[in-house]
C-alpha atoms as a PDB file:
ATOM      1  CA  MET A   1     -18.492  17.710  -2.464  1.00  0.00           C
ATOM      2  CA  LEU A   2     -17.815  14.795  -3.622  1.00  0.00           C
ATOM      3  CA  GLY A   3     -21.532  13.136  -4.866  1.00  0.00           C
ATOM      4  CA  GLU A   4     -23.085  12.242  -1.875  1.00  0.00           C
ATOM      5  CA  TYR A   5     -19.912  13.393   0.940  1.00  0.00           C
ATOM      6  CA  THR A   6     -19.995  17.016   2.032  1.00  0.00           C
ATOM      7  CA  ILE A   7     -18.034  19.407   2.976  1.00  0.00           C
ATOM      8  CA  TRP A   8     -18.148  17.523   6.813  1.00  0.00           C
ATOM      9  CA  ASN A   9     -17.835  14.018   5.751  1.00  0.00           C
ATOM     10  CA  ILE A  10     -14.694  14.857   3.792  1.00  0.00           C
ATOM     11  CA  ALA A  11     -13.778  17.399   7.282  1.00  0.00           C
ATOM     12  CA  ILE A  12     -14.315  13.808   9.176  1.00  0.00           C
ATOM     13  CA  PHE A  13     -11.978  12.427   7.397  1.00  0.00           C
ATOM     14  CA  ALA A  14      -9.395  15.143   7.407  1.00  0.00           C
ATOM     15  CA  GLY A  15      -9.188  15.089  10.796  1.00  0.00           C
ATOM     16  CA  LEU A  16      -9.266  11.753  11.716  1.00  0.00           C
ATOM     17  CA  VAL A  17      -6.089  11.445   9.792  1.00  0.00           C
ATOM     18  CA  VAL A  18      -4.517  14.174  11.780  1.00  0.00           C
ATOM     19  CA  ALA A  19      -5.074  13.525  15.040  1.00  0.00           C
ATOM     20  CA  ALA A  20      -4.193   9.599  14.155  1.00  0.00           C
ATOM     21  CA  LEU A  21      -0.523  10.858  12.770  1.00  0.00           C
ATOM     22  CA  LEU A  22      -0.110  12.603  15.104  1.00  0.00           C
ATOM     23  CA  LEU A  23      -0.816  10.420  18.196  1.00  0.00           C
ATOM     24  CA  ASP A  24       2.099   8.147  16.252  1.00  0.00           C
ATOM     25  CA  LEU A  25       4.380  10.734  16.202  1.00  0.00           C
ATOM     26  CA  PHE A  26       3.196  11.352  20.139  1.00  0.00           C
ATOM     27  CA  ALA A  27       4.021   7.329  20.148  1.00  0.00           C
ATOM     28  CA  HIS A  28       7.454   6.977  18.503  1.00  0.00           C
ATOM     29  CA  LYS A  29       9.026  10.611  19.097  1.00  0.00           C
ATOM     30  CA  GLN A  30      12.386   7.813  20.904  1.00  0.00           C
ATOM     31  CA  ASP A  31      14.662   6.970  18.190  1.00  0.00           C
ATOM     32  CA  LYS A  32      14.053   2.787  19.043  1.00  0.00           C
ATOM     33  CA  ALA A  33      13.612  -0.175  16.593  1.00  0.00           C
ATOM     34  CA  ILE A  34       9.993  -1.123  17.001  1.00  0.00           C
ATOM     35  CA  SER A  35       9.186  -4.534  18.772  1.00  0.00           C
ATOM     36  CA  MET A  36       7.260  -7.040  17.223  1.00  0.00           C
ATOM     37  CA  ARG A  37       4.598  -6.551  20.378  1.00  0.00           C
ATOM     38  CA  ASP A  38       4.241  -2.561  19.481  1.00  0.00           C
ATOM     39  CA  ALA A  39       4.354  -3.098  15.473  1.00  0.00           C
ATOM     40  CA  ALA A  40       1.390  -5.381  16.534  1.00  0.00           C
ATOM     41  CA  LEU A  41      -0.188  -3.126  18.505  1.00  0.00           C
ATOM     42  CA  TRP A  42      -0.852  -0.102  16.096  1.00  0.00           C
ATOM     43  CA  SER A  43      -1.740  -2.116  13.578  1.00  0.00           C
ATOM     44  CA  VAL A  44      -4.692  -3.869  15.341  1.00  0.00           C
ATOM     45  CA  PHE A  45      -5.089   0.225  16.141  1.00  0.00           C
ATOM     46  CA  TRP A  46      -5.054   0.893  12.765  1.00  0.00           C
ATOM     47  CA  ILE A  47      -7.314  -2.042  11.364  1.00  0.00           C
ATOM     48  CA  VAL A  48     -10.157  -0.915  13.681  1.00  0.00           C
ATOM     49  CA  LEU A  49     -10.248   2.761  13.724  1.00  0.00           C
ATOM     50  CA  SER A  50     -11.004   1.955   9.388  1.00  0.00           C
ATOM     51  CA  LEU A  51     -13.242  -0.487  10.846  1.00  0.00           C
ATOM     52  CA  ALA A  52     -14.581   2.398  12.290  1.00  0.00           C
ATOM     53  CA  PHE A  53     -14.964   4.483   9.140  1.00  0.00           C
ATOM     54  CA  ALA A  54     -16.340   2.457   7.439  1.00  0.00           C
ATOM     55  CA  LEU A  55     -19.057   1.467   9.948  1.00  0.00           C
ATOM     56  CA  TYR A  56     -19.986   5.687   9.412  1.00  0.00           C
ATOM     57  CA  ILE A  57     -20.226   5.174   5.599  1.00  0.00           C
ATOM     58  CA  GLY A  58     -22.653   1.818   6.064  1.00  0.00           C
ATOM     59  CA  ILE A  59     -24.668   4.139   8.770  1.00  0.00           C
ATOM     60  CA  GLY A  60     -24.775   7.240   6.659  1.00  0.00           C
ATOM     61  CA  HIS A  61     -24.196   6.110   3.400  1.00  0.00           C
ATOM     62  CA  GLY A  62     -26.242   1.938   3.142  1.00  0.00           C
ATOM     63  CA  ARG A  63     -24.373  -0.593   3.074  1.00  0.00           C
ATOM     64  CA  GLU A  64     -23.877  -1.266   0.080  1.00  0.00           C
ATOM     65  CA  GLN A  65     -20.820   1.252   0.500  1.00  0.00           C
ATOM     66  CA  GLY A  66     -19.617   0.381   3.316  1.00  0.00           C
ATOM     67  CA  MET A  67     -18.701  -2.857   1.542  1.00  0.00           C
ATOM     68  CA  LEU A  68     -17.007  -0.647  -1.261  1.00  0.00           C
ATOM     69  CA  PHE A  69     -14.732   0.501   0.760  1.00  0.00           C
ATOM     70  CA  VAL A  70     -14.001  -2.629   3.523  1.00  0.00           C
ATOM     71  CA  THR A  71     -12.888  -3.814  -0.227  1.00  0.00           C
ATOM     72  CA  GLY A  72     -10.711  -0.804  -1.644  1.00  0.00           C
ATOM     73  CA  TYR A  73      -9.087  -1.011   2.414  1.00  0.00           C
ATOM     74  CA  PHE A  74      -8.367  -4.657   2.400  1.00  0.00           C
ATOM     75  CA  LEU A  75      -7.248  -4.822  -1.396  1.00  0.00           C
ATOM     76  CA  GLU A  76      -5.155  -2.155  -0.929  1.00  0.00           C
ATOM     77  CA  LYS A  77      -3.814  -4.377   1.971  1.00  0.00           C
ATOM     78  CA  SER A  78      -2.904  -6.983   0.158  1.00  0.00           C
ATOM     79  CA  LEU A  79      -1.197  -5.437  -2.815  1.00  0.00           C
ATOM     80  CA  SER A  80       0.741  -3.608  -0.319  1.00  0.00           C
ATOM     81  CA  VAL A  81       2.749  -6.499   0.620  1.00  0.00           C
ATOM     82  CA  ASP A  82       4.984  -6.974  -2.445  1.00  0.00           C
ATOM     83  CA  ASN A  83       6.065  -3.037  -1.385  1.00  0.00           C
ATOM     84  CA  LEU A  84       6.871  -3.179   1.914  1.00  0.00           C
ATOM     85  CA  PHE A  85       9.694  -5.949   0.604  1.00  0.00           C
ATOM     86  CA  VAL A  86      10.895  -3.347  -1.530  1.00  0.00           C
ATOM     87  CA  PHE A  87      10.951  -1.112   1.748  1.00  0.00           C
ATOM     88  CA  ILE A  88      13.363  -3.797   3.312  1.00  0.00           C
ATOM     89  CA  ALA A  89      15.738  -3.969   0.397  1.00  0.00           C
ATOM     90  CA  VAL A  90      15.627   0.001   0.641  1.00  0.00           C
ATOM     91  CA  PHE A  91      17.022   0.571   4.341  1.00  0.00           C
ATOM     92  CA  SER A  92      19.409  -2.230   3.220  1.00  0.00           C
ATOM     93  CA  SER A  93      21.136  -0.427   1.020  1.00  0.00           C
ATOM     94  CA  PHE A  94      21.285   2.714   3.164  1.00  0.00           C
ATOM     95  CA  SER A  95      21.723   0.549   5.908  1.00  0.00           C
ATOM     96  CA  ILE A  96      19.167   2.567   8.047  1.00  0.00           C
ATOM     97  CA  ARG A  97      20.024   0.754  11.784  1.00  0.00           C
ATOM     98  CA  PRO A  98      16.308   0.011  13.405  1.00  0.00           C
ATOM     99  CA  GLU A  99      16.107   2.700  15.236  1.00  0.00           C
ATOM    100  CA  PHE A 100      15.590   5.731  12.138  1.00  0.00           C
ATOM    101  CA  GLN A 101      12.999   2.955  10.127  1.00  0.00           C
ATOM    102  CA  HIS A 102       9.913   4.020  11.543  1.00  0.00           C
ATOM    103  CA  ARG A 103      10.480   7.692  10.590  1.00  0.00           C
ATOM    104  CA  VAL A 104      11.605   7.321   7.250  1.00  0.00           C
ATOM    105  CA  LEU A 105       8.306   5.215   6.723  1.00  0.00           C
ATOM    106  CA  TYR A 106       6.186   8.266   8.546  1.00  0.00           C
ATOM    107  CA  TYR A 107       7.199  10.852   6.520  1.00  0.00           C
ATOM    108  CA  GLY A 108       7.402   8.693   3.421  1.00  0.00           C
ATOM    109  CA  ILE A 109       3.209   8.280   4.041  1.00  0.00           C
ATOM    110  CA  ILE A 110       2.684  11.365   4.793  1.00  0.00           C
ATOM    111  CA  GLY A 111       4.263  11.845   1.404  1.00  0.00           C
ATOM    112  CA  ALA A 112       1.956   9.064  -1.008  1.00  0.00           C
ATOM    113  CA  ILE A 113      -0.723  10.736   1.012  1.00  0.00           C
ATOM    114  CA  ILE A 114      -0.545  13.372  -1.131  1.00  0.00           C
ATOM    115  CA  MET A 115       1.436  11.945  -3.757  1.00  0.00           C
ATOM    116  CA  ARG A 116      -2.641   9.124  -4.276  1.00  0.00           C
ATOM    117  CA  MET A 117      -4.472  12.141  -3.578  1.00  0.00           C
ATOM    118  CA  LEU A 118      -3.073  13.401  -7.018  1.00  0.00           C
ATOM    119  CA  PHE A 119      -2.769   9.877  -8.401  1.00  0.00           C
ATOM    120  CA  ILE A 120      -6.692   9.340  -7.829  1.00  0.00           C
ATOM    121  CA  GLY A 121      -7.791  12.613  -8.939  1.00  0.00           C
ATOM    122  CA  LEU A 122      -6.317  11.899 -12.242  1.00  0.00           C
ATOM    123  CA  GLY A 123      -7.750   8.542 -12.941  1.00  0.00           C
ATOM    124  CA  THR A 124     -11.685  10.466 -11.915  1.00  0.00           C
ATOM    125  CA  SER A 125     -11.194  12.195 -14.931  1.00  0.00           C
ATOM    126  CA  VAL A 126      -9.410   9.993 -16.681  1.00  0.00           C
ATOM    127  CA  ILE A 127     -12.674   7.977 -16.363  1.00  0.00           C
ATOM    128  CA  ALA A 128     -14.549  11.404 -16.617  1.00  0.00           C
ATOM    129  CA  MET A 129     -13.693  11.876 -19.984  1.00  0.00           C
ATOM    130  CA  PHE A 130     -13.350   8.576 -21.399  1.00  0.00           C
ATOM    131  CA  GLY A 131     -15.728   6.806 -19.693  1.00  0.00           C
ATOM    132  CA  LYS A 132     -15.879   2.758 -20.302  1.00  0.00           C
ATOM    133  CA  TRP A 133     -12.658   2.950 -22.325  1.00  0.00           C
ATOM    134  CA  ALA A 134     -11.061   3.894 -19.360  1.00  0.00           C
ATOM    135  CA  LEU A 135     -12.173   1.403 -17.411  1.00  0.00           C
ATOM    136  CA  THR A 136     -11.563  -1.765 -20.126  1.00  0.00           C
ATOM    137  CA  ALA A 137      -7.868  -0.251 -20.094  1.00  0.00           C
ATOM    138  CA  PHE A 138      -7.478   0.402 -15.976  1.00  0.00           C
ATOM    139  CA  GLY A 139      -8.804  -3.610 -16.471  1.00  0.00           C
ATOM    140  CA  ILE A 140      -6.726  -4.714 -19.360  1.00  0.00           C
ATOM    141  CA  PHE A 141      -3.815  -3.239 -17.345  1.00  0.00           C
ATOM    142  CA  VAL A 142      -5.137  -4.429 -13.438  1.00  0.00           C
ATOM    143  CA  LEU A 143      -4.238  -8.218 -15.615  1.00  0.00           C
ATOM    144  CA  TRP A 144      -1.161  -7.525 -16.512  1.00  0.00           C
ATOM    145  CA  THR A 145       0.145  -6.351 -13.265  1.00  0.00           C
ATOM    146  CA  ALA A 146      -1.189 -10.371 -12.528  1.00  0.00           C
ATOM    147  CA  TRP A 147       0.506 -12.010 -15.261  1.00  0.00           C
ATOM    148  CA  LYS A 148       4.141  -9.811 -14.292  1.00  0.00           C
ATOM    149  CA  MET A 149       3.801 -10.348 -10.775  1.00  0.00           C
ATOM    150  CA  TRP A 150       2.977 -14.149 -12.245  1.00  0.00           C
ATOM    151  CA  GLN A 151       6.506 -14.154 -14.244  1.00  0.00           C
ATOM    152  CA  GLN A 152       8.029 -13.267 -11.338  1.00  0.00           C
ATOM    153  CA  SER A 153       7.465 -15.621  -8.345  1.00  0.00           C
ATOM    154  CA  LYS A 154       8.177 -18.087 -11.012  1.00  0.00           C
ATOM    155  CA  GLU A 155      11.801 -16.781 -11.633  1.00  0.00           C
ATOM    156  CA  GLU A 156      15.008 -17.699  -9.708  1.00  0.00           C
ATOM    157  CA  GLU A 157      15.362 -16.692  -6.381  1.00  0.00           C
ATOM    158  CA  LYS A 158      17.300 -13.382  -6.411  1.00  0.00           C
ATOM    159  CA  GLU A 159      19.526 -11.324  -4.777  1.00  0.00           C
ATOM    160  CA  MET A 160      17.805  -8.946  -3.336  1.00  0.00           C
ATOM    161  CA  GLU A 161      18.443  -5.434  -5.395  1.00  0.00           C
ATOM    162  CA  ASP A 162      20.654  -2.170  -4.824  1.00  0.00           C
ATOM    163  CA  TYR A 163      18.635   1.170  -4.809  1.00  0.00           C
ATOM    164  CA  SER A 164      21.432   3.087  -3.671  1.00  0.00           C
ATOM    165  CA  ASP A 165      22.523   4.211  -7.672  1.00  0.00           C
ATOM    166  CA  HIS A 166      18.483   4.131  -8.003  1.00  0.00           C
ATOM    167  CA  TRP A 167      18.110   6.794 -10.368  1.00  0.00           C
ATOM    168  CA  SER A 168      16.285   9.120  -7.561  1.00  0.00           C
ATOM    169  CA  ILE A 169      19.433   8.873  -5.926  1.00  0.00           C
ATOM    170  CA  ARG A 170      21.407  10.205  -8.734  1.00  0.00           C
ATOM    171  CA  MET A 171      19.349  13.500  -9.352  1.00  0.00           C
ATOM    172  CA  THR A 172      19.473  13.797  -5.878  1.00  0.00           C
ATOM    173  CA  LYS A 173      22.860  14.160  -6.440  1.00  0.00           C
ATOM    174  CA  ARG A 174      22.829  17.020  -8.703  1.00  0.00           C
ATOM    175  CA  LEU A 175      20.629  18.502  -6.492  1.00  0.00           C
ATOM    176  CA  PHE A 176      22.300  18.718  -3.611  1.00  0.00           C
ATOM    177  CA  PRO A 177      25.667  17.738  -1.763  1.00  0.00           C
ATOM    178  CA  VAL A 178      25.154  14.744   0.208  1.00  0.00           C
ATOM    179  CA  SER A 179      26.973  14.091   3.607  1.00  0.00           C
ATOM    180  CA  PRO A 180      28.718  10.527   3.713  1.00  0.00           C
ATOM    181  CA  LYS A 181      27.215   9.338   6.798  1.00  0.00           C
ATOM    182  CA  LEU A 182      23.989   9.829   8.687  1.00  0.00           C
ATOM    183  CA  ASP A 183      23.319  12.581  11.790  1.00  0.00           C
ATOM    184  CA  GLY A 184      21.281  10.374  13.724  1.00  0.00           C
ATOM    185  CA  HIS A 185      17.610  11.108  12.279  1.00  0.00           C
ATOM    186  CA  ASN A 186      17.926  14.235  10.206  1.00  0.00           C
ATOM    187  CA  PHE A 187      17.203  14.638   6.788  1.00  0.00           C
ATOM    188  CA  PHE A 188      20.072  17.339   6.448  1.00  0.00           C
ATOM    189  CA  THR A 189      23.015  18.413   8.881  1.00  0.00           C
ATOM    190  CA  ARG A 190      25.790  21.105   8.027  1.00  0.00           C
ATOM    191  CA  ILE A 191      29.195  20.720   6.830  1.00  0.00           C
ATOM    192  CA  ASN A 192      31.234  23.339   6.348  1.00  0.00           C
ATOM    193  CA  GLY A 193      28.312  25.595   6.936  1.00  0.00           C
ATOM    194  CA  ILE A 194      27.187  23.901   3.867  1.00  0.00           C
ATOM    195  CA  LEU A 195      23.261  21.990   4.156  1.00  0.00           C
ATOM    196  CA  HIS A 196      23.980  19.189   3.039  1.00  0.00           C
ATOM    197  CA  VAL A 197      21.130  16.096   2.735  1.00  0.00           C
ATOM    198  CA  THR A 198      22.600  12.674   4.542  1.00  0.00           C
ATOM    199  CA  PRO A 199      21.640   8.665   3.849  1.00  0.00           C
ATOM    200  CA  LEU A 200      18.275   9.095   5.416  1.00  0.00           C
ATOM    201  CA  PHE A 201      16.763  11.561   3.179  1.00  0.00           C
ATOM    202  CA  LEU A 202      18.219   9.575   0.350  1.00  0.00           C
ATOM    203  CA  CYS A 203      16.196   6.605   1.795  1.00  0.00           C
ATOM    204  CA  LEU A 204      12.926   9.077   1.673  1.00  0.00           C
ATOM    205  CA  ILE A 205      13.757  10.018  -1.496  1.00  0.00           C
ATOM    206  CA  THR A 206      13.874   6.383  -2.684  1.00  0.00           C
ATOM    207  CA  ILE A 207      10.754   5.104  -1.178  1.00  0.00           C
ATOM    208  CA  GLU A 208       8.716   7.854  -2.023  1.00  0.00           C
ATOM    209  CA  ILE A 209       9.528   7.260  -5.624  1.00  0.00           C
ATOM    210  CA  ALA A 210       8.640   3.894  -5.043  1.00  0.00           C
ATOM    211  CA  ASP A 211       5.395   4.950  -3.933  1.00  0.00           C
ATOM    212  CA  VAL A 212       4.432   6.329  -6.627  1.00  0.00           C
ATOM    213  CA  MET A 213       5.082   3.613  -8.484  1.00  0.00           C
ATOM    214  CA  PHE A 214       3.501   0.956  -6.648  1.00  0.00           C
ATOM    215  CA  ALA A 215       0.264   3.903  -6.906  1.00  0.00           C
ATOM    216  CA  PHE A 216       0.005   2.688 -11.499  1.00  0.00           C
ATOM    217  CA  ASP A 217      -0.904  -0.940  -9.557  1.00  0.00           C
ATOM    218  CA  SER A 218      -3.108  -0.370  -6.715  1.00  0.00           C
ATOM    219  CA  VAL A 219      -5.129   2.999  -8.364  1.00  0.00           C
ATOM    220  CA  PRO A 220      -6.358   1.228 -11.222  1.00  0.00           C
ATOM    221  CA  ALA A 221      -6.788  -1.911  -8.764  1.00  0.00           C
ATOM    222  CA  ILE A 222      -8.954   0.067  -6.711  1.00  0.00           C
ATOM    223  CA  PHE A 223     -10.994   1.559  -9.149  1.00  0.00           C
ATOM    224  CA  ALA A 224     -11.791  -1.719 -10.178  1.00  0.00           C
ATOM    225  CA  VAL A 225     -14.076  -2.429  -7.277  1.00  0.00           C
ATOM    226  CA  PHE A 226     -16.672   0.330  -8.416  1.00  0.00           C
ATOM    227  CA  ALA A 227     -17.238  -1.124 -12.077  1.00  0.00           C
ATOM    228  CA  GLY A 228     -19.985  -3.557 -12.653  1.00  0.00           C
ATOM    229  CA  LEU A 229     -22.252  -2.276 -10.119  1.00  0.00           C
ATOM    230  CA  LYS A 230     -25.749  -2.649 -10.512  1.00  0.00           C
ATOM    231  CA  ASP A 231     -26.547   0.822  -9.737  1.00  0.00           C
ATOM    232  CA  PRO A 232     -23.722   2.994 -10.608  1.00  0.00           C
ATOM    233  CA  LEU A 233     -22.235   5.120  -7.761  1.00  0.00           C
ATOM    234  CA  PRO A 234     -21.779   8.797  -8.523  1.00  0.00           C
ATOM    235  CA  LEU A 235     -18.107   9.830 -10.056  1.00  0.00           C
ATOM    236  CA  GLY A 236     -17.103  12.096  -7.301  1.00  0.00           C
ATOM    237  CA  THR A 237     -18.675   9.141  -4.261  1.00  0.00           C
ATOM    238  CA  GLN A 238     -16.293   6.680  -5.950  1.00  0.00           C
ATOM    239  CA  THR A 239     -13.205   8.992  -6.159  1.00  0.00           C
ATOM    240  CA  PHE A 240     -14.402   9.677  -2.123  1.00  0.00           C
ATOM    241  CA  LEU A 241     -14.140   5.789  -1.861  1.00  0.00           C
ATOM    242  CA  VAL A 242     -11.108   5.370  -3.429  1.00  0.00           C
ATOM    243  CA  TYR A 243      -9.422   7.629  -1.821  1.00  0.00           C
ATOM    244  CA  THR A 244      -9.985   7.157   2.129  1.00  0.00           C
ATOM    245  CA  SER A 245      -9.965   3.346   2.151  1.00  0.00           C
ATOM    246  CA  ASN A 246      -6.349   3.820  -0.450  1.00  0.00           C
ATOM    247  CA  ILE A 247      -5.520   6.329   2.817  1.00  0.00           C
ATOM    248  CA  PHE A 248      -6.879   4.091   5.629  1.00  0.00           C
ATOM    249  CA  ALA A 249      -4.260   1.087   4.449  1.00  0.00           C
ATOM    250  CA  ILE A 250      -1.061   3.542   3.330  1.00  0.00           C
ATOM    251  CA  LEU A 251      -1.537   4.496   7.218  1.00  0.00           C
ATOM    252  CA  GLY A 252      -1.026   1.304   8.535  1.00  0.00           C
ATOM    253  CA  LEU A 253       1.836   0.246   6.436  1.00  0.00           C
ATOM    254  CA  ARG A 254       4.187   1.269   8.920  1.00  0.00           C
ATOM    255  CA  SER A 255       2.764  -1.254  11.693  1.00  0.00           C
ATOM    256  CA  LEU A 256       2.218  -3.627   8.380  1.00  0.00           C
ATOM    257  CA  TYR A 257       5.968  -3.414   7.216  1.00  0.00           C
ATOM    258  CA  PHE A 258       7.174  -4.825  10.946  1.00  0.00           C
ATOM    259  CA  LEU A 259       5.409  -7.379  10.936  1.00  0.00           C
ATOM    260  CA  LEU A 260       5.865  -8.994   7.283  1.00  0.00           C
ATOM    261  CA  ALA A 261       9.590  -8.537   7.860  1.00  0.00           C
ATOM    262  CA  ALA A 262       9.679 -10.932  10.405  1.00  0.00           C
ATOM    263  CA  ALA A 263       7.108 -12.660   8.934  1.00  0.00           C
ATOM    264  CA  ASN A 264       7.460 -13.322   5.435  1.00  0.00           C
ATOM    265  CA  ARG A 265       9.993 -16.125   5.587  1.00  0.00           C
ATOM    266  CA  PHE A 266       6.385 -17.760   6.688  1.00  0.00           C
ATOM    267  CA  LEU A 267       4.199 -16.114   3.824  1.00  0.00           C
ATOM    268  CA  VAL A 268       4.924 -17.758   1.565  1.00  0.00           C
ATOM    269  CA  HIS A 269       2.155 -18.102  -0.581  1.00  0.00           C
ATOM    270  CA  LEU A 270       0.959 -15.151  -0.413  1.00  0.00           C
ATOM    271  CA  GLU A 271       2.377 -13.775  -2.913  1.00  0.00           C
ATOM    272  CA  LYS A 272      -0.421 -15.929  -5.635  1.00  0.00           C
ATOM    273  CA  ALA A 273      -3.034 -15.052  -3.140  1.00  0.00           C
ATOM    274  CA  VAL A 274      -2.603 -11.693  -3.981  1.00  0.00           C
ATOM    275  CA  ILE A 275      -2.084 -12.325  -7.774  1.00  0.00           C
ATOM    276  CA  ALA A 276      -5.244 -13.930  -8.004  1.00  0.00           C
ATOM    277  CA  ILE A 277      -7.359 -11.186  -6.245  1.00  0.00           C
ATOM    278  CA  LEU A 278      -5.402  -8.962  -9.593  1.00  0.00           C
ATOM    279  CA  THR A 279      -7.242 -11.652 -11.382  1.00  0.00           C
ATOM    280  CA  PHE A 280     -10.331 -11.356 -10.070  1.00  0.00           C
ATOM    281  CA  ILE A 281     -10.586  -7.570  -9.675  1.00  0.00           C
ATOM    282  CA  GLY A 282      -9.355  -7.050 -13.622  1.00  0.00           C
ATOM    283  CA  ILE A 283     -12.116 -10.278 -14.707  1.00  0.00           C
ATOM    284  CA  LYS A 284     -14.499  -7.891 -12.830  1.00  0.00           C
ATOM    285  CA  MET A 285     -14.078  -4.438 -14.109  1.00  0.00           C
ATOM    286  CA  LEU A 286     -14.086  -6.241 -17.971  1.00  0.00           C
ATOM    287  CA  LEU A 287     -17.454  -7.956 -17.363  1.00  0.00           C
ATOM    288  CA  GLY A 288     -18.783  -4.293 -15.666  1.00  0.00           C
ATOM    289  CA  VAL A 289     -17.899  -2.379 -18.896  1.00  0.00           C
ATOM    290  CA  VAL A 290     -19.449  -5.173 -21.004  1.00  0.00           C
ATOM    291  CA  SER A 291     -22.669  -5.478 -22.198  1.00  0.00           C
ATOM    292  CA  ILE A 292     -24.751  -7.140 -24.527  1.00  0.00           C
ATOM    293  CA  GLY A 293     -28.091  -5.954 -25.448  1.00  0.00           C
ATOM    294  CA  ASP A 294     -30.208  -5.759 -22.113  1.00  0.00           C
ATOM    295  CA  PHE A 295     -27.594  -7.651 -20.735  1.00  0.00           C
ATOM    296  CA  SER A 296     -24.830  -7.553 -18.355  1.00  0.00           C
ATOM    297  CA  LEU A 297     -22.896  -8.993 -15.384  1.00  0.00           C
ATOM    298  CA  HIS A 298     -23.272  -7.249 -12.054  1.00  0.00           C
ATOM    299  CA  ILE A 299     -20.957  -8.544  -8.246  1.00  0.00           C
ATOM    300  CA  PRO A 300     -22.165  -7.807  -5.588  1.00  0.00           C
ATOM    301  CA  ALA A 301     -20.112  -5.220  -3.288  1.00  0.00           C
ATOM    302  CA  GLU A 302     -21.036  -8.218  -0.902  1.00  0.00           C
ATOM    303  CA  VAL A 303     -18.949 -11.249  -3.335  1.00  0.00           C
ATOM    304  CA  SER A 304     -16.711  -8.805  -4.047  1.00  0.00           C
ATOM    305  CA  LEU A 305     -15.520  -8.375  -0.420  1.00  0.00           C
ATOM    306  CA  THR A 306     -15.942 -12.236   0.634  1.00  0.00           C
ATOM    307  CA  ILE A 307     -13.603 -12.992  -2.386  1.00  0.00           C
ATOM    308  CA  VAL A 308     -11.133 -10.389  -1.710  1.00  0.00           C
ATOM    309  CA  LEU A 309     -10.745 -11.532   2.529  1.00  0.00           C
ATOM    310  CA  GLY A 310     -11.437 -15.356   1.274  1.00  0.00           C
ATOM    311  CA  LEU A 311      -8.420 -14.814  -0.701  1.00  0.00           C
ATOM    312  CA  LEU A 312      -5.933 -13.229   1.783  1.00  0.00           C
ATOM    313  CA  VAL A 313      -6.826 -16.372   4.282  1.00  0.00           C
ATOM    314  CA  VAL A 314      -6.235 -18.879   1.884  1.00  0.00           C
ATOM    315  CA  GLY A 315      -2.975 -17.328   0.822  1.00  0.00           C
ATOM    316  CA  VAL A 316      -1.531 -17.539   4.819  1.00  0.00           C
ATOM    317  CA  VAL A 317      -3.520 -20.527   5.467  1.00  0.00           C
ATOM    318  CA  ALA A 318      -1.563 -22.299   2.453  1.00  0.00           C
ATOM    319  CA  SER A 319       1.569 -21.085   4.111  1.00  0.00           C
ATOM    320  CA  TYR A 320       0.955 -22.291   7.300  1.00  0.00           C
ATOM    321  CA  ILE A 321       0.098 -25.951   6.027  1.00  0.00           C
ATOM    322  CA  PHE A 322       2.433 -26.228   3.427  1.00  0.00           C
ATOM    323  CA  PRO A 323       5.426 -23.928   3.932  1.00  0.00           C
ATOM    324  CA  GLU A 324       8.456 -23.608   2.354  1.00  0.00           C
ATOM    325  CA  LYS A 325      10.651 -26.021   2.220  1.00  0.00           C
ATOM    326  CA  LYS A 326      14.395 -24.651   2.668  1.00  0.00           C
ATOM    327  CA  ASP A 327      18.043 -26.263   3.120  1.00  0.00           C
ATOM    328  CA  ALA A 328      19.052 -26.430   7.081  1.00  0.00           C
ATOM    329  CA  GLY A 329      21.594 -24.554   7.482  1.00  0.00           C
ATOM    330  CA  ASP A 330      21.682 -22.208   4.176  1.00  0.00           C
ATOM    331  CA  GLY A 331      20.663 -19.043   6.621  1.00  0.00           C
ATOM    332  CA  SER A 332      17.626 -18.961   4.391  1.00  0.00           C
ATOM    333  CA  GLU A 333      15.218 -18.007   7.183  1.00  0.00           C
ATOM    334  CA  HIS A 334      16.837 -14.582   7.879  1.00  0.00           C
ATOM    335  CA  LYS A 335      16.782 -13.369   4.164  1.00  0.00           C
ATOM    336  CA  ASN A 336      15.806 -10.111   3.687  1.00  0.00           C
ATOM    337  CA  VAL A 337      14.706  -9.504   7.237  1.00  0.00           C
ATOM    338  CA  PRO A 338      15.816  -6.458   8.382  1.00  0.00           C
ATOM    339  CA  PRO A 339      17.414  -6.147  12.561  1.00  0.00           C
ATOM    340  CA  SER A 340      14.040  -4.879  13.728  1.00  0.00           C
ATOM    341  CA  SER A 341      12.190  -7.487  12.990  1.00  0.00           C
ATOM    342  CA  LEU A 342      14.292  -9.805  14.332  1.00  0.00           C
ATOM    343  CA  GLN A 343      14.089  -8.139  17.990  1.00  0.00           C
ATOM    344  CA  GLU A 344      11.051  -8.083  20.900  1.00  0.00           C
END
């Protein structure tokens, strides 16, 4: 059991995840570029499935826990925006064609599900051992992440980073012989009877390592959602809600990637919204561990959800009303956009 959640709750969650992954694999078993229509429909599917699970939690365990799940879900979604742009750079570095990108992301998501379990388990253990000290450290780290993103957002536009010489790639090359070219959608191929990894596998390794780096930011932020409640939840209950909301958000990343790859040139103010969300979450976590006498500040789950969703909406609307002006003919409208995102 995890707090209030029984083995049946865990089994229902696991069954939904496995069934959805198998459905996704069957629907995309052919190697072809993902159209905007397909990405939009699958994005709706993942959102509806996630909200249905939130409703299940709300009915079985109370409205507040349902709200906390939704807040964690949309927080992870918002933090994923910048991460998806890294995926664009990774695919460009390895020259991965559009028809193979979904396969890489699919297996990357499976790896992320396992890695997030380890990270969230570690976070739970740290909180159990150090209590408010751990929550304080998490809050400070989230605020530092917001500051780091703000500093990077003020920098002049940079060239797309080349990940083909990433340290994880150099390490992989020491362990396995590497094929100089792709072999269809295969991660491994044989050359003169010797098993080689393909560039597609190197791309997958880079994306898996990138997700581990993302987890350092997102996991403390998700735990911050549960800090400062008037009636603190058992740590096991928090762990279940953190992990399930995190995983449901991750499951929709593939579809979101193909949508944002096309829309990144329009959502110019969304990063500022993400920075504001992180700042709010970090402050919320710090306020939740500070108490003076009998006084302590508690932010209800409904308020947190309203602020997170409100900031996301403001970022999208501001990008539409105040678009970034580009010099005509500079070709910037297609910068960092893979070919798949320009197809319908």
